[in-house]
Amino acid sequence: MLLAMAAIVGIVAPSALIALSMSALLGTVLPRGLARIAAVLVWLWIQFSTPLIPVPTLNGTAFNLVGDTVTAGFFDGNPIYAPDGPLSYQSEPWSAALSLVWQLALIFVLLAVGSRLAETLRQR
C-alpha cells in the first residue's frame, strides 16, 4: 500500500500536474476548443513516441515526463523507453530525484507563465 502511494506521488501526480498546467497555459493563449485539442496533441507527443515516426521527444532522456527515471531510480522498474543518447540517465535514486525536481520546476514555470499571460490579457 505504501509503495503504491509512493508511485502515485512520484510518477502519476507530476505527470497529471504537468498536463493540467500545460492545458492552463494553452488555454490563456488559444480559444478554448483549440486549446483543448492542442493540449491533447502536445500531451500525446510527450507521452507516446514510436520508432515508426522519428519525431524527437524527451523520452529516453533524464528530462522525460513519462516517469521512467523515477520508476527505474526509486522502484527498480524497467523503463518504457530505453535510456539513450547524450542526455540519457542512470537508474539511480539521485537521477530519479533530479527528474522530480525538473518536473516540479516545469510545473511551476508553466503555471507562472500561464498566470502572467492571463493577467496581462485580462488588463487589456
PDB file of N, CA and C in Angstrom:
ATOM      1  N   MET A   1       0.819  -1.191   0.000  1.00  0.00           N
ATOM      2  CA  MET A   1       0.000   0.000   0.000  1.00  0.00           C
ATOM      3  C   MET A   1       0.865   1.257   0.000  1.00  0.00           C
ATOM      4  N   LEU A   2       1.901   1.239   0.826  1.00  0.00           N
ATOM      5  CA  LEU A   2       2.788   2.393   0.907  1.00  0.00           C
ATOM      6  C   LEU A   2       3.561   2.590  -0.396  1.00  0.00           C
ATOM      7  N   LEU A   3       3.959   1.493  -1.015  1.00  0.00           N
ATOM      8  CA  LEU A   3       4.667   1.562  -2.288  1.00  0.00           C
ATOM      9  C   LEU A   3       3.758   2.111  -3.392  1.00  0.00           C
ATOM     10  N   ALA A   4       2.493   1.721  -3.361  1.00  0.00           N
ATOM     11  CA  ALA A   4       1.534   2.234  -4.348  1.00  0.00           C
ATOM     12  C   ALA A   4       1.326   3.733  -4.172  1.00  0.00           C
ATOM     13  N   MET A   5       1.247   4.196  -2.956  1.00  0.00           N
ATOM     14  CA  MET A   5       1.092   5.639  -2.699  1.00  0.00           C
ATOM     15  C   MET A   5       2.328   6.407  -3.159  1.00  0.00           C
ATOM     16  N   ALA A   6       3.507   5.825  -2.910  1.00  0.00           N
ATOM     17  CA  ALA A   6       4.741   6.475  -3.359  1.00  0.00           C
ATOM     18  C   ALA A   6       4.796   6.545  -4.879  1.00  0.00           C
ATOM     19  N   ALA A   7       4.329   5.510  -5.558  1.00  0.00           N
ATOM     20  CA  ALA A   7       4.307   5.507  -7.023  1.00  0.00           C
ATOM     21  C   ALA A   7       3.338   6.557  -7.551  1.00  0.00           C
ATOM     22  N   ILE A   8       2.206   6.713  -6.902  1.00  0.00           N
ATOM     23  CA  ILE A   8       1.242   7.729  -7.324  1.00  0.00           C
ATOM     24  C   ILE A   8       1.831   9.128  -7.148  1.00  0.00           C
ATOM     25  N   VAL A   9       2.461   9.369  -6.013  1.00  0.00           N
ATOM     26  CA  VAL A   9       3.034  10.685  -5.736  1.00  0.00           C
ATOM     27  C   VAL A   9       4.241  10.964  -6.630  1.00  0.00           C
ATOM     28  N   GLY A  10       5.045   9.946  -6.913  1.00  0.00           N
ATOM     29  CA  GLY A  10       6.272  10.159  -7.669  1.00  0.00           C
ATOM     30  C   GLY A  10       6.137  10.060  -9.175  1.00  0.00           C
ATOM     31  N   ILE A  11       5.123   9.345  -9.654  1.00  0.00           N
ATOM     32  CA  ILE A  11       5.007   9.123 -11.100  1.00  0.00           C
ATOM     33  C   ILE A  11       3.737   9.744 -11.666  1.00  0.00           C
ATOM     34  N   VAL A  12       2.598   9.412 -11.095  1.00  0.00           N
ATOM     35  CA  VAL A  12       1.317   9.840 -11.664  1.00  0.00           C
ATOM     36  C   VAL A  12       1.037  11.315 -11.387  1.00  0.00           C
ATOM     37  N   ALA A  13       1.238  11.754 -10.168  1.00  0.00           N
ATOM     38  CA  ALA A  13       0.906  13.131  -9.800  1.00  0.00           C
ATOM     39  C   ALA A  13       1.713  14.165 -10.594  1.00  0.00           C
ATOM     40  N   PRO A  14       3.041  14.032 -10.729  1.00  0.00           N
ATOM     41  CA  PRO A  14       3.750  15.027 -11.539  1.00  0.00           C
ATOM     42  C   PRO A  14       3.289  15.053 -12.992  1.00  0.00           C
ATOM     43  N   SER A  15       3.024  13.889 -13.568  1.00  0.00           N
ATOM     44  CA  SER A  15       2.545  13.858 -14.957  1.00  0.00           C
ATOM     45  C   SER A  15       1.189  14.535 -15.086  1.00  0.00           C
ATOM     46  N   ALA A  16       0.308  14.278 -14.147  1.00  0.00           N
ATOM     47  CA  ALA A  16      -1.013  14.904 -14.190  1.00  0.00           C
ATOM     48  C   ALA A  16      -0.916  16.415 -13.997  1.00  0.00           C
ATOM     49  N   LEU A  17      -0.050  16.855 -13.093  1.00  0.00           N
ATOM     50  CA  LEU A  17       0.109  18.296 -12.867  1.00  0.00           C
ATOM     51  C   LEU A  17       0.730  18.989 -14.074  1.00  0.00           C
ATOM     52  N   ILE A  18       1.636  18.303 -14.764  1.00  0.00           N
ATOM     53  CA  ILE A  18       2.202  18.880 -15.985  1.00  0.00           C
ATOM     54  C   ILE A  18       1.115  19.015 -17.047  1.00  0.00           C
ATOM     55  N   ALA A  19       0.281  17.989 -17.180  1.00  0.00           N
ATOM     56  CA  ALA A  19      -0.810  18.056 -18.159  1.00  0.00           C
ATOM     57  C   ALA A  19      -1.768  19.193 -17.824  1.00  0.00           C
ATOM     58  N   LEU A  20      -2.111  19.347 -16.554  1.00  0.00           N
ATOM     59  CA  LEU A  20      -3.017  20.411 -16.152  1.00  0.00           C
ATOM     60  C   LEU A  20      -2.413  21.799 -16.367  1.00  0.00           C
ATOM     61  N   SER A  21      -1.156  21.970 -15.993  1.00  0.00           N
ATOM     62  CA  SER A  21      -0.540  23.284 -16.137  1.00  0.00           C
ATOM     63  C   SER A  21      -0.299  23.631 -17.604  1.00  0.00           C
ATOM     64  N   MET A  22       0.018  22.628 -18.424  1.00  0.00           N
ATOM     65  CA  MET A  22       0.175  22.876 -19.854  1.00  0.00           C
ATOM     66  C   MET A  22      -1.167  23.256 -20.478  1.00  0.00           C
ATOM     67  N   SER A  23      -2.217  22.585 -20.071  1.00  0.00           N
ATOM     68  CA  SER A  23      -3.548  22.901 -20.566  1.00  0.00           C
ATOM     69  C   SER A  23      -3.967  24.309 -20.144  1.00  0.00           C
ATOM     70  N   ALA A  24      -3.633  24.684 -18.922  1.00  0.00           N
ATOM     71  CA  ALA A  24      -3.961  26.034 -18.446  1.00  0.00           C
ATOM     72  C   ALA A  24      -3.203  27.093 -19.239  1.00  0.00           C
ATOM     73  N   LEU A  25      -1.932  26.834 -19.522  1.00  0.00           N
ATOM     74  CA  LEU A  25      -1.146  27.784 -20.307  1.00  0.00           C
ATOM     75  C   LEU A  25      -1.707  27.930 -21.713  1.00  0.00           C
ATOM     76  N   LEU A  26      -2.005  26.812 -22.354  1.00  0.00           N
ATOM     77  CA  LEU A  26      -2.559  26.877 -23.702  1.00  0.00           C
ATOM     78  C   LEU A  26      -3.937  27.539 -23.707  1.00  0.00           C
ATOM     79  N   GLY A  27      -4.686  27.366 -22.625  1.00  0.00           N
ATOM     80  CA  GLY A  27      -5.998  27.982 -22.519  1.00  0.00           C
ATOM     81  C   GLY A  27      -5.955  29.496 -22.417  1.00  0.00           C
ATOM     82  N   THR A  28      -4.822  30.048 -22.019  1.00  0.00           N
ATOM     83  CA  THR A  28      -4.712  31.508 -21.932  1.00  0.00           C
ATOM     84  C   THR A  28      -4.375  32.144 -23.275  1.00  0.00           C
ATOM     85  N   VAL A  29      -3.786  31.387 -24.187  1.00  0.00           N
ATOM     86  CA  VAL A  29      -3.345  31.985 -25.452  1.00  0.00           C
ATOM     87  C   VAL A  29      -4.161  31.532 -26.658  1.00  0.00           C
ATOM     88  N   LEU A  30      -4.947  30.503 -26.516  1.00  0.00           N
ATOM     89  CA  LEU A  30      -5.729  29.975 -27.624  1.00  0.00           C
ATOM     90  C   LEU A  30      -7.213  29.953 -27.260  1.00  0.00           C
ATOM     91  N   PRO A  31      -8.092  29.952 -28.251  1.00  0.00           N
ATOM     92  CA  PRO A  31      -9.515  29.755 -27.949  1.00  0.00           C
ATOM     93  C   PRO A  31      -9.732  28.405 -27.257  1.00  0.00           C
ATOM     94  N   ARG A  32     -10.771  28.321 -26.455  1.00  0.00           N
ATOM     95  CA  ARG A  32     -10.979  27.159 -25.590  1.00  0.00           C
ATOM     96  C   ARG A  32     -10.939  25.825 -26.340  1.00  0.00           C
ATOM     97  N   GLY A  33     -11.675  25.682 -27.411  1.00  0.00           N
ATOM     98  CA  GLY A  33     -11.710  24.417 -28.146  1.00  0.00           C
ATOM     99  C   GLY A  33     -10.363  24.064 -28.742  1.00  0.00           C
ATOM    100  N   LEU A  34      -9.708  25.049 -29.330  1.00  0.00           N
ATOM    101  CA  LEU A  34      -8.396  24.821 -29.926  1.00  0.00           C
ATOM    102  C   LEU A  34      -7.354  24.515 -28.854  1.00  0.00           C
ATOM    103  N   ALA A  35      -7.466  25.154 -27.705  1.00  0.00           N
ATOM    104  CA  ALA A  35      -6.530  24.899 -26.600  1.00  0.00           C
ATOM    105  C   ALA A  35      -6.654  23.467 -26.100  1.00  0.00           C
ATOM    106  N   ARG A  36      -7.872  22.965 -26.024  1.00  0.00           N
ATOM    107  CA  ARG A  36      -8.065  21.577 -25.586  1.00  0.00           C
ATOM    108  C   ARG A  36      -7.457  20.596 -26.566  1.00  0.00           C
ATOM    109  N   ILE A  37      -7.672  20.843 -27.856  1.00  0.00           N
ATOM    110  CA  ILE A  37      -7.107  19.959 -28.879  1.00  0.00           C
ATOM    111  C   ILE A  37      -5.581  20.041 -28.857  1.00  0.00           C
ATOM    112  N   ALA A  38      -5.042  21.249 -28.762  1.00  0.00           N
ATOM    113  CA  ALA A  38      -3.590  21.427 -28.739  1.00  0.00           C
ATOM    114  C   ALA A  38      -2.979  20.768 -27.506  1.00  0.00           C
ATOM    115  N   ALA A  39      -3.642  20.880 -26.360  1.00  0.00           N
ATOM    116  CA  ALA A  39      -3.125  20.264 -25.137  1.00  0.00           C
ATOM    117  C   ALA A  39      -3.077  18.743 -25.267  1.00  0.00           C
ATOM    118  N   VAL A  40      -4.098  18.160 -25.847  1.00  0.00           N
ATOM    119  CA  VAL A  40      -4.105  16.705 -26.036  1.00  0.00           C
ATOM    120  C   VAL A  40      -3.012  16.281 -27.002  1.00  0.00           C
ATOM    121  N   LEU A  41      -2.842  17.019 -28.085  1.00  0.00           N
ATOM    122  CA  LEU A  41      -1.810  16.661 -29.063  1.00  0.00           C
ATOM    123  C   LEU A  41      -0.404  16.798 -28.477  1.00  0.00           C
ATOM    124  N   VAL A  42      -0.168  17.857 -27.736  1.00  0.00           N
ATOM    125  CA  VAL A  42       1.142  18.023 -27.102  1.00  0.00           C
ATOM    126  C   VAL A  42       1.370  16.930 -26.069  1.00  0.00           C
ATOM    127  N   TRP A  43       0.347  16.599 -25.312  1.00  0.00           N
ATOM    128  CA  TRP A  43       0.491  15.555 -24.295  1.00  0.00           C
ATOM    129  C   TRP A  43       0.764  14.192 -24.943  1.00  0.00           C
ATOM    130  N   LEU A  44       0.085  13.903 -26.029  1.00  0.00           N
ATOM    131  CA  LEU A  44       0.355  12.649 -26.726  1.00  0.00           C
ATOM    132  C   LEU A  44       1.772  12.618 -27.268  1.00  0.00           C
ATOM    133  N   TRP A  45       2.262  13.756 -27.778  1.00  0.00           N
ATOM    134  CA  TRP A  45       3.639  13.819 -28.255  1.00  0.00           C
ATOM    135  C   TRP A  45       4.620  13.587 -27.113  1.00  0.00           C
ATOM    136  N   ILE A  46       4.328  14.149 -25.934  1.00  0.00           N
ATOM    137  CA  ILE A  46       5.214  13.987 -24.781  1.00  0.00           C
ATOM    138  C   ILE A  46       5.211  12.540 -24.288  1.00  0.00           C
ATOM    139  N   GLN A  47       4.051  11.932 -24.194  1.00  0.00           N
ATOM    140  CA  GLN A  47       3.924  10.625 -23.567  1.00  0.00           C
ATOM    141  C   GLN A  47       4.206   9.445 -24.488  1.00  0.00           C
ATOM    142  N   PHE A  48       3.760   9.531 -25.710  1.00  0.00           N
ATOM    143  CA  PHE A  48       3.816   8.368 -26.593  1.00  0.00           C
ATOM    144  C   PHE A  48       4.638   8.677 -27.831  1.00  0.00           C
ATOM    145  N   SER A  49       5.805   8.103 -27.894  1.00  0.00           N
ATOM    146  CA  SER A  49       6.599   8.218 -29.117  1.00  0.00           C
ATOM    147  C   SER A  49       6.809   6.815 -29.662  1.00  0.00           C
ATOM    148  N   THR A  50       7.064   6.735 -30.925  1.00  0.00           N
ATOM    149  CA  THR A  50       7.241   5.444 -31.563  1.00  0.00           C
ATOM    150  C   THR A  50       8.414   5.509 -32.520  1.00  0.00           C
ATOM    151  N   PRO A  51       9.150   4.437 -32.657  1.00  0.00           N
ATOM    152  CA  PRO A  51      10.248   4.453 -33.626  1.00  0.00           C
ATOM    153  C   PRO A  51       9.752   4.512 -35.073  1.00  0.00           C
ATOM    154  N   LEU A  52       8.471   4.237 -35.294  1.00  0.00           N
ATOM    155  CA  LEU A  52       7.936   4.297 -36.651  1.00  0.00           C
ATOM    156  C   LEU A  52       7.846   5.726 -37.167  1.00  0.00           C
ATOM    157  N   ILE A  53       7.623   6.668 -36.252  1.00  0.00           N
ATOM    158  CA  ILE A  53       7.556   8.084 -36.618  1.00  0.00           C
ATOM    159  C   ILE A  53       8.723   8.774 -35.906  1.00  0.00           C
ATOM    160  N   PRO A  54       9.799   9.068 -36.619  1.00  0.00           N
ATOM    161  CA  PRO A  54      11.004   9.611 -35.963  1.00  0.00           C
ATOM    162  C   PRO A  54      10.860  11.090 -35.594  1.00  0.00           C
ATOM    163  N   VAL A  55      10.116  11.352 -34.536  1.00  0.00           N
ATOM    164  CA  VAL A  55       9.938  12.707 -34.037  1.00  0.00           C
ATOM    165  C   VAL A  55      10.714  12.812 -32.723  1.00  0.00           C
ATOM    166  N   PRO A  56      11.552  13.826 -32.571  1.00  0.00           N
ATOM    167  CA  PRO A  56      12.328  13.932 -31.330  1.00  0.00           C
ATOM    168  C   PRO A  56      11.430  14.225 -30.125  1.00  0.00           C
ATOM    169  N   THR A  57      11.664  13.504 -29.053  1.00  0.00           N
ATOM    170  CA  THR A  57      10.939  13.714 -27.798  1.00  0.00           C
ATOM    171  C   THR A  57      11.926  13.662 -26.642  1.00  0.00           C
ATOM    172  N   LEU A  58      11.428  13.914 -25.463  1.00  0.00           N
ATOM    173  CA  LEU A  58      12.259  13.835 -24.264  1.00  0.00           C
ATOM    174  C   LEU A  58      12.358  12.408 -23.720  1.00  0.00           C
ATOM    175  N   ASN A  59      11.628  11.484 -24.289  1.00  0.00           N
ATOM    176  CA  ASN A  59      11.648  10.108 -23.805  1.00  0.00           C
ATOM    177  C   ASN A  59      13.023   9.491 -24.031  1.00  0.00           C
ATOM    178  N   GLY A  60      13.493   8.744 -23.039  1.00  0.00           N
ATOM    179  CA  GLY A  60      14.817   8.140 -23.101  1.00  0.00           C
ATOM    180  C   GLY A  60      15.908   9.048 -22.573  1.00  0.00           C
ATOM    181  N   THR A  61      15.517  10.246 -22.108  1.00  0.00           N
ATOM    182  CA  THR A  61      16.493  11.178 -21.536  1.00  0.00           C
ATOM    183  C   THR A  61      16.170  11.405 -20.064  1.00  0.00           C
ATOM    184  N   ALA A  62      17.047  12.119 -19.401  1.00  0.00           N
ATOM    185  CA  ALA A  62      16.820  12.433 -17.993  1.00  0.00           C
ATOM    186  C   ALA A  62      15.666  13.413 -17.814  1.00  0.00           C
ATOM    187  N   PHE A  63      15.234  14.057 -18.886  1.00  0.00           N
ATOM    188  CA  PHE A  63      14.168  15.051 -18.816  1.00  0.00           C
ATOM    189  C   PHE A  63      12.808  14.509 -19.237  1.00  0.00           C
ATOM    190  N   ASN A  64      12.674  13.199 -19.298  1.00  0.00           N
ATOM    191  CA  ASN A  64      11.390  12.647 -19.747  1.00  0.00           C
ATOM    192  C   ASN A  64      10.294  12.956 -18.739  1.00  0.00           C
ATOM    193  N   LEU A  65       9.071  12.971 -19.234  1.00  0.00           N
ATOM    194  CA  LEU A  65       7.918  13.280 -18.387  1.00  0.00           C
ATOM    195  C   LEU A  65       7.034  12.054 -18.180  1.00  0.00           C
ATOM    196  N   VAL A  66       7.479  10.910 -18.660  1.00  0.00           N
ATOM    197  CA  VAL A  66       6.706   9.681 -18.565  1.00  0.00           C
ATOM    198  C   VAL A  66       6.817   9.056 -17.177  1.00  0.00           C
ATOM    199  N   GLY A  67       7.916   9.291 -16.497  1.00  0.00           N
ATOM    200  CA  GLY A  67       8.144   8.690 -15.187  1.00  0.00           C
ATOM    201  C   GLY A  67       9.138   7.551 -15.227  1.00  0.00           C
ATOM    202  N   ASP A  68       9.799   7.355 -16.366  1.00  0.00           N
ATOM    203  CA  ASP A  68      10.781   6.278 -16.482  1.00  0.00           C
ATOM    204  C   ASP A  68      11.937   6.435 -15.509  1.00  0.00           C
ATOM    205  N   THR A  69      12.438   7.650 -15.375  1.00  0.00           N
ATOM    206  CA  THR A  69      13.583   7.885 -14.496  1.00  0.00           C
ATOM    207  C   THR A  69      13.212   7.591 -13.049  1.00  0.00           C
ATOM    208  N   VAL A  70      12.031   8.020 -12.637  1.00  0.00           N
ATOM    209  CA  VAL A  70      11.574   7.778 -11.267  1.00  0.00           C
ATOM    210  C   VAL A  70      11.317   6.294 -11.048  1.00  0.00           C
ATOM    211  N   THR A  71      10.702   5.642 -12.023  1.00  0.00           N
ATOM    212  CA  THR A  71      10.435   4.210 -11.914  1.00  0.00           C
ATOM    213  C   THR A  71      11.727   3.418 -11.769  1.00  0.00           C
ATOM    214  N   ALA A  72      12.706   3.730 -12.602  1.00  0.00           N
ATOM    215  CA  ALA A  72      13.976   2.999 -12.569  1.00  0.00           C
ATOM    216  C   ALA A  72      14.799   3.342 -11.333  1.00  0.00           C
ATOM    217  N   GLY A  73      14.803   4.614 -10.938  1.00  0.00           N
ATOM    218  CA  GLY A  73      15.642   5.032  -9.824  1.00  0.00           C
ATOM    219  C   GLY A  73      15.101   4.689  -8.453  1.00  0.00           C
ATOM    220  N   PHE A  74      13.819   4.878  -8.238  1.00  0.00           N
ATOM    221  CA  PHE A  74      13.238   4.645  -6.905  1.00  0.00           C
ATOM    222  C   PHE A  74      12.625   3.263  -6.737  1.00  0.00           C
ATOM    223  N   PHE A  75      12.091   2.697  -7.814  1.00  0.00           N
ATOM    224  CA  PHE A  75      11.329   1.457  -7.687  1.00  0.00           C
ATOM    225  C   PHE A  75      11.965   0.266  -8.411  1.00  0.00           C
ATOM    226  N   ASP A  76      13.163   0.436  -8.945  1.00  0.00           N
ATOM    227  CA  ASP A  76      13.889  -0.627  -9.665  1.00  0.00           C
ATOM    228  C   ASP A  76      13.050  -1.239 -10.777  1.00  0.00           C
ATOM    229  N   GLY A  77      12.255  -0.440 -11.433  1.00  0.00           N
ATOM    230  CA  GLY A  77      11.427  -0.923 -12.535  1.00  0.00           C
ATOM    231  C   GLY A  77      12.144  -0.768 -13.867  1.00  0.00           C
ATOM    232  N   ASN A  78      11.585  -1.368 -14.874  1.00  0.00           N
ATOM    233  CA  ASN A  78      12.129  -1.244 -16.223  1.00  0.00           C
ATOM    234  C   ASN A  78      11.486  -0.054 -16.922  1.00  0.00           C
ATOM    235  N   PRO A  79      12.286   0.801 -17.539  1.00  0.00           N
ATOM    236  CA  PRO A  79      11.709   1.959 -18.234  1.00  0.00           C
ATOM    237  C   PRO A  79      10.970   1.548 -19.500  1.00  0.00           C
ATOM    238  N   ILE A  80       9.966   2.326 -19.845  1.00  0.00           N
ATOM    239  CA  ILE A  80       9.232   2.088 -21.088  1.00  0.00           C
ATOM    240  C   ILE A  80      10.122   2.415 -22.277  1.00  0.00           C
ATOM    241  N   TYR A  81      10.810   3.540 -22.192  1.00  0.00           N
ATOM    242  CA  TYR A  81      11.717   3.979 -23.242  1.00  0.00           C
ATOM    243  C   TYR A  81      13.139   3.821 -22.739  1.00  0.00           C
ATOM    244  N   ALA A  82      13.928   3.030 -23.428  1.00  0.00           N
ATOM    245  CA  ALA A  82      15.309   2.773 -23.003  1.00  0.00           C
ATOM    246  C   ALA A  82      16.116   4.068 -23.027  1.00  0.00           C
ATOM    247  N   PRO A  83      16.915   4.289 -21.969  1.00  0.00           N
ATOM    248  CA  PRO A  83      17.745   5.495 -21.955  1.00  0.00           C
ATOM    249  C   PRO A  83      18.820   5.419 -23.031  1.00  0.00           C
ATOM    250  N   ASP A  84      18.897   6.474 -23.845  1.00  0.00           N
ATOM    251  CA  ASP A  84      19.917   6.508 -24.881  1.00  0.00           C
ATOM    252  C   ASP A  84      20.250   7.949 -25.226  1.00  0.00           C
ATOM    253  N   GLY A  85      21.359   8.149 -25.866  1.00  0.00           N
ATOM    254  CA  GLY A  85      21.769   9.475 -26.289  1.00  0.00           C
ATOM    255  C   GLY A  85      22.569  10.206 -25.225  1.00  0.00           C
ATOM    256  N   PRO A  86      22.971  11.424 -25.548  1.00  0.00           N
ATOM    257  CA  PRO A  86      23.815  12.183 -24.620  1.00  0.00           C
ATOM    258  C   PRO A  86      23.090  12.631 -23.349  1.00  0.00           C
ATOM    259  N   LEU A  87      21.767  12.669 -23.362  1.00  0.00           N
ATOM    260  CA  LEU A  87      21.002  13.082 -22.176  1.00  0.00           C
ATOM    261  C   LEU A  87      20.392  11.896 -21.448  1.00  0.00           C
ATOM    262  N   SER A  88      20.925  10.701 -21.662  1.00  0.00           N
ATOM    263  CA  SER A  88      20.371   9.518 -21.009  1.00  0.00           C
ATOM    264  C   SER A  88      20.653   9.569 -19.498  1.00  0.00           C
ATOM    265  N   TYR A  89      19.973   8.737 -18.769  1.00  0.00           N
ATOM    266  CA  TYR A  89      20.081   8.742 -17.313  1.00  0.00           C
ATOM    267  C   TYR A  89      20.550   7.382 -16.811  1.00  0.00           C
ATOM    268  N   GLN A  90      21.010   7.380 -15.573  1.00  0.00           N
ATOM    269  CA  GLN A  90      21.371   6.145 -14.903  1.00  0.00           C
ATOM    270  C   GLN A  90      20.252   5.791 -13.934  1.00  0.00           C
ATOM    271  N   SER A  91      20.026   4.508 -13.756  1.00  0.00           N
ATOM    272  CA  SER A  91      18.939   4.064 -12.882  1.00  0.00           C
ATOM    273  C   SER A  91      19.373   4.130 -11.420  1.00  0.00           C
ATOM    274  N   GLU A  92      19.455   5.329 -10.910  1.00  0.00           N
ATOM    275  CA  GLU A  92      19.869   5.545  -9.523  1.00  0.00           C
ATOM    276  C   GLU A  92      18.928   6.545  -8.865  1.00  0.00           C
ATOM    277  N   PRO A  93      18.838   6.510  -7.540  1.00  0.00           N
ATOM    278  CA  PRO A  93      17.926   7.425  -6.847  1.00  0.00           C
ATOM    279  C   PRO A  93      18.213   8.905  -7.101  1.00  0.00           C
ATOM    280  N   TRP A  94      19.477   9.282  -7.257  1.00  0.00           N
ATOM    281  CA  TRP A  94      19.778  10.695  -7.491  1.00  0.00           C
ATOM    282  C   TRP A  94      19.225  11.175  -8.831  1.00  0.00           C
ATOM    283  N   SER A  95      19.243  10.299  -9.838  1.00  0.00           N
ATOM    284  CA  SER A  95      18.680  10.710 -11.128  1.00  0.00           C
ATOM    285  C   SER A  95      17.158  10.795 -11.055  1.00  0.00           C
ATOM    286  N   ALA A  96      16.549   9.928 -10.247  1.00  0.00           N
ATOM    287  CA  ALA A  96      15.096   9.999 -10.053  1.00  0.00           C
ATOM    288  C   ALA A  96      14.718  11.284  -9.321  1.00  0.00           C
ATOM    289  N   ALA A  97      15.500  11.639  -8.298  1.00  0.00           N
ATOM    290  CA  ALA A  97      15.237  12.880  -7.567  1.00  0.00           C
ATOM    291  C   ALA A  97      15.421  14.094  -8.475  1.00  0.00           C
ATOM    292  N   LEU A  98      16.444  14.062  -9.314  1.00  0.00           N
ATOM    293  CA  LEU A  98      16.671  15.153 -10.265  1.00  0.00           C
ATOM    294  C   LEU A  98      15.521  15.251 -11.257  1.00  0.00           C
ATOM    295  N   SER A  99      14.999  14.119 -11.695  1.00  0.00           N
ATOM    296  CA  SER A  99      13.863  14.122 -12.611  1.00  0.00           C
ATOM    297  C   SER A  99      12.629  14.735 -11.956  1.00  0.00           C
ATOM    298  N   LEU A 100      12.390  14.406 -10.691  1.00  0.00           N
ATOM    299  CA  LEU A 100      11.244  15.001  -9.987  1.00  0.00           C
ATOM    300  C   LEU A 100      11.412  16.509  -9.815  1.00  0.00           C
ATOM    301  N   VAL A 101      12.626  16.956  -9.524  1.00  0.00           N
ATOM    302  CA  VAL A 101      12.883  18.387  -9.401  1.00  0.00           C
ATOM    303  C   VAL A 101      12.632  19.074 -10.744  1.00  0.00           C
ATOM    304  N   TRP A 102      13.088  18.466 -11.834  1.00  0.00           N
ATOM    305  CA  TRP A 102      12.851  19.001 -13.182  1.00  0.00           C
ATOM    306  C   TRP A 102      11.356  19.098 -13.457  1.00  0.00           C
ATOM    307  N   GLN A 103      10.604  18.065 -13.123  1.00  0.00           N
ATOM    308  CA  GLN A 103       9.166  18.077 -13.386  1.00  0.00           C
ATOM    309  C   GLN A 103       8.463  19.139 -12.555  1.00  0.00           C
ATOM    310  N   LEU A 104       8.839  19.267 -11.287  1.00  0.00           N
ATOM    311  CA  LEU A 104       8.229  20.294 -10.439  1.00  0.00           C
ATOM    312  C   LEU A 104       8.587  21.696 -10.931  1.00  0.00           C
ATOM    313  N   ALA A 105       9.815  21.891 -11.388  1.00  0.00           N
ATOM    314  CA  ALA A 105      10.204  23.194 -11.942  1.00  0.00           C
ATOM    315  C   ALA A 105       9.403  23.503 -13.206  1.00  0.00           C
ATOM    316  N   LEU A 106       9.196  22.492 -14.050  1.00  0.00           N
ATOM    317  CA  LEU A 106       8.400  22.690 -15.258  1.00  0.00           C
ATOM    318  C   LEU A 106       6.960  23.049 -14.919  1.00  0.00           C
ATOM    319  N   ILE A 107       6.390  22.387 -13.927  1.00  0.00           N
ATOM    320  CA  ILE A 107       5.027  22.701 -13.480  1.00  0.00           C
ATOM    321  C   ILE A 107       4.958  24.157 -13.013  1.00  0.00           C
ATOM    322  N   PHE A 108       5.922  24.551 -12.205  1.00  0.00           N
ATOM    323  CA  PHE A 108       5.945  25.923 -11.700  1.00  0.00           C
ATOM    324  C   PHE A 108       6.060  26.936 -12.835  1.00  0.00           C
ATOM    325  N   VAL A 109       6.959  26.690 -13.779  1.00  0.00           N
ATOM    326  CA  VAL A 109       7.155  27.621 -14.888  1.00  0.00           C
ATOM    327  C   VAL A 109       5.897  27.718 -15.748  1.00  0.00           C
ATOM    328  N   LEU A 110       5.292  26.577 -16.072  1.00  0.00           N
ATOM    329  CA  LEU A 110       4.074  26.598 -16.888  1.00  0.00           C
ATOM    330  C   LEU A 110       2.953  27.365 -16.197  1.00  0.00           C
ATOM    331  N   LEU A 111       2.774  27.135 -14.899  1.00  0.00           N
ATOM    332  CA  LEU A 111       1.726  27.848 -14.164  1.00  0.00           C
ATOM    333  C   LEU A 111       2.040  29.332 -14.039  1.00  0.00           C
ATOM    334  N   ALA A 112       3.295  29.670 -13.803  1.00  0.00           N
ATOM    335  CA  ALA A 112       3.670  31.076 -13.660  1.00  0.00           C
ATOM    336  C   ALA A 112       3.489  31.826 -14.978  1.00  0.00           C
ATOM    337  N   VAL A 113       3.924  31.236 -16.071  1.00  0.00           N
ATOM    338  CA  VAL A 113       3.779  31.891 -17.378  1.00  0.00           C
ATOM    339  C   VAL A 113       2.296  32.013 -17.746  1.00  0.00           C
ATOM    340  N   GLY A 114       1.527  30.953 -17.510  1.00  0.00           N
ATOM    341  CA  GLY A 114       0.093  30.999 -17.795  1.00  0.00           C
ATOM    342  C   GLY A 114      -0.618  32.043 -16.966  1.00  0.00           C
ATOM    343  N   SER A 115      -0.265  32.142 -15.693  1.00  0.00           N
ATOM    344  CA  SER A 115      -0.879  33.132 -14.815  1.00  0.00           C
ATOM    345  C   SER A 115      -0.514  34.548 -15.253  1.00  0.00           C
ATOM    346  N   ARG A 116       0.735  34.740 -15.605  1.00  0.00           N
ATOM    347  CA  ARG A 116       1.185  36.061 -16.050  1.00  0.00           C
ATOM    348  C   ARG A 116       0.495  36.479 -17.355  1.00  0.00           C
ATOM    349  N   LEU A 117       0.392  35.539 -18.292  1.00  0.00           N
ATOM    350  CA  LEU A 117      -0.290  35.830 -19.552  1.00  0.00           C
ATOM    351  C   LEU A 117      -1.764  36.130 -19.330  1.00  0.00           C
ATOM    352  N   ALA A 118      -2.403  35.356 -18.460  1.00  0.00           N
ATOM    353  CA  ALA A 118      -3.818  35.590 -18.177  1.00  0.00           C
ATOM    354  C   ALA A 118      -4.029  36.968 -17.556  1.00  0.00           C
ATOM    355  N   GLU A 119      -3.143  37.359 -16.666  1.00  0.00           N
ATOM    356  CA  GLU A 119      -3.241  38.675 -16.023  1.00  0.00           C
ATOM    357  C   GLU A 119      -3.035  39.793 -17.047  1.00  0.00           C
ATOM    358  N   THR A 120      -2.069  39.604 -17.934  1.00  0.00           N
ATOM    359  CA  THR A 120      -1.802  40.606 -18.970  1.00  0.00           C
ATOM    360  C   THR A 120      -2.982  40.733 -19.917  1.00  0.00           C
ATOM    361  N   LEU A 121      -3.525  39.620 -20.338  1.00  0.00           N
ATOM    362  CA  LEU A 121      -4.663  39.642 -21.261  1.00  0.00           C
ATOM    363  C   LEU A 121      -5.922  40.198 -20.602  1.00  0.00           C
ATOM    364  N   ARG A 122      -6.088  39.979 -19.325  1.00  0.00           N
ATOM    365  CA  ARG A 122      -7.259  40.493 -18.625  1.00  0.00           C
ATOM    366  C   ARG A 122      -7.203  42.001 -18.474  1.00  0.00           C
ATOM    367  N   GLN A 123      -6.002  42.568 -18.373  1.00  0.00           N
ATOM    368  CA  GLN A 123      -5.844  44.009 -18.204  1.00  0.00           C
ATOM    369  C   GLN A 123      -6.021  44.788 -19.496  1.00  0.00           C
ATOM    370  N   ARG A 124      -6.074  44.102 -20.634  1.00  0.00           N
ATOM    371  CA  ARG A 124      -6.255  44.789 -21.922  1.00  0.00           C
ATOM    372  C   ARG A 124      -7.628  45.341 -22.085  1.00  0.00           C
TER     373      ARG A 124
END
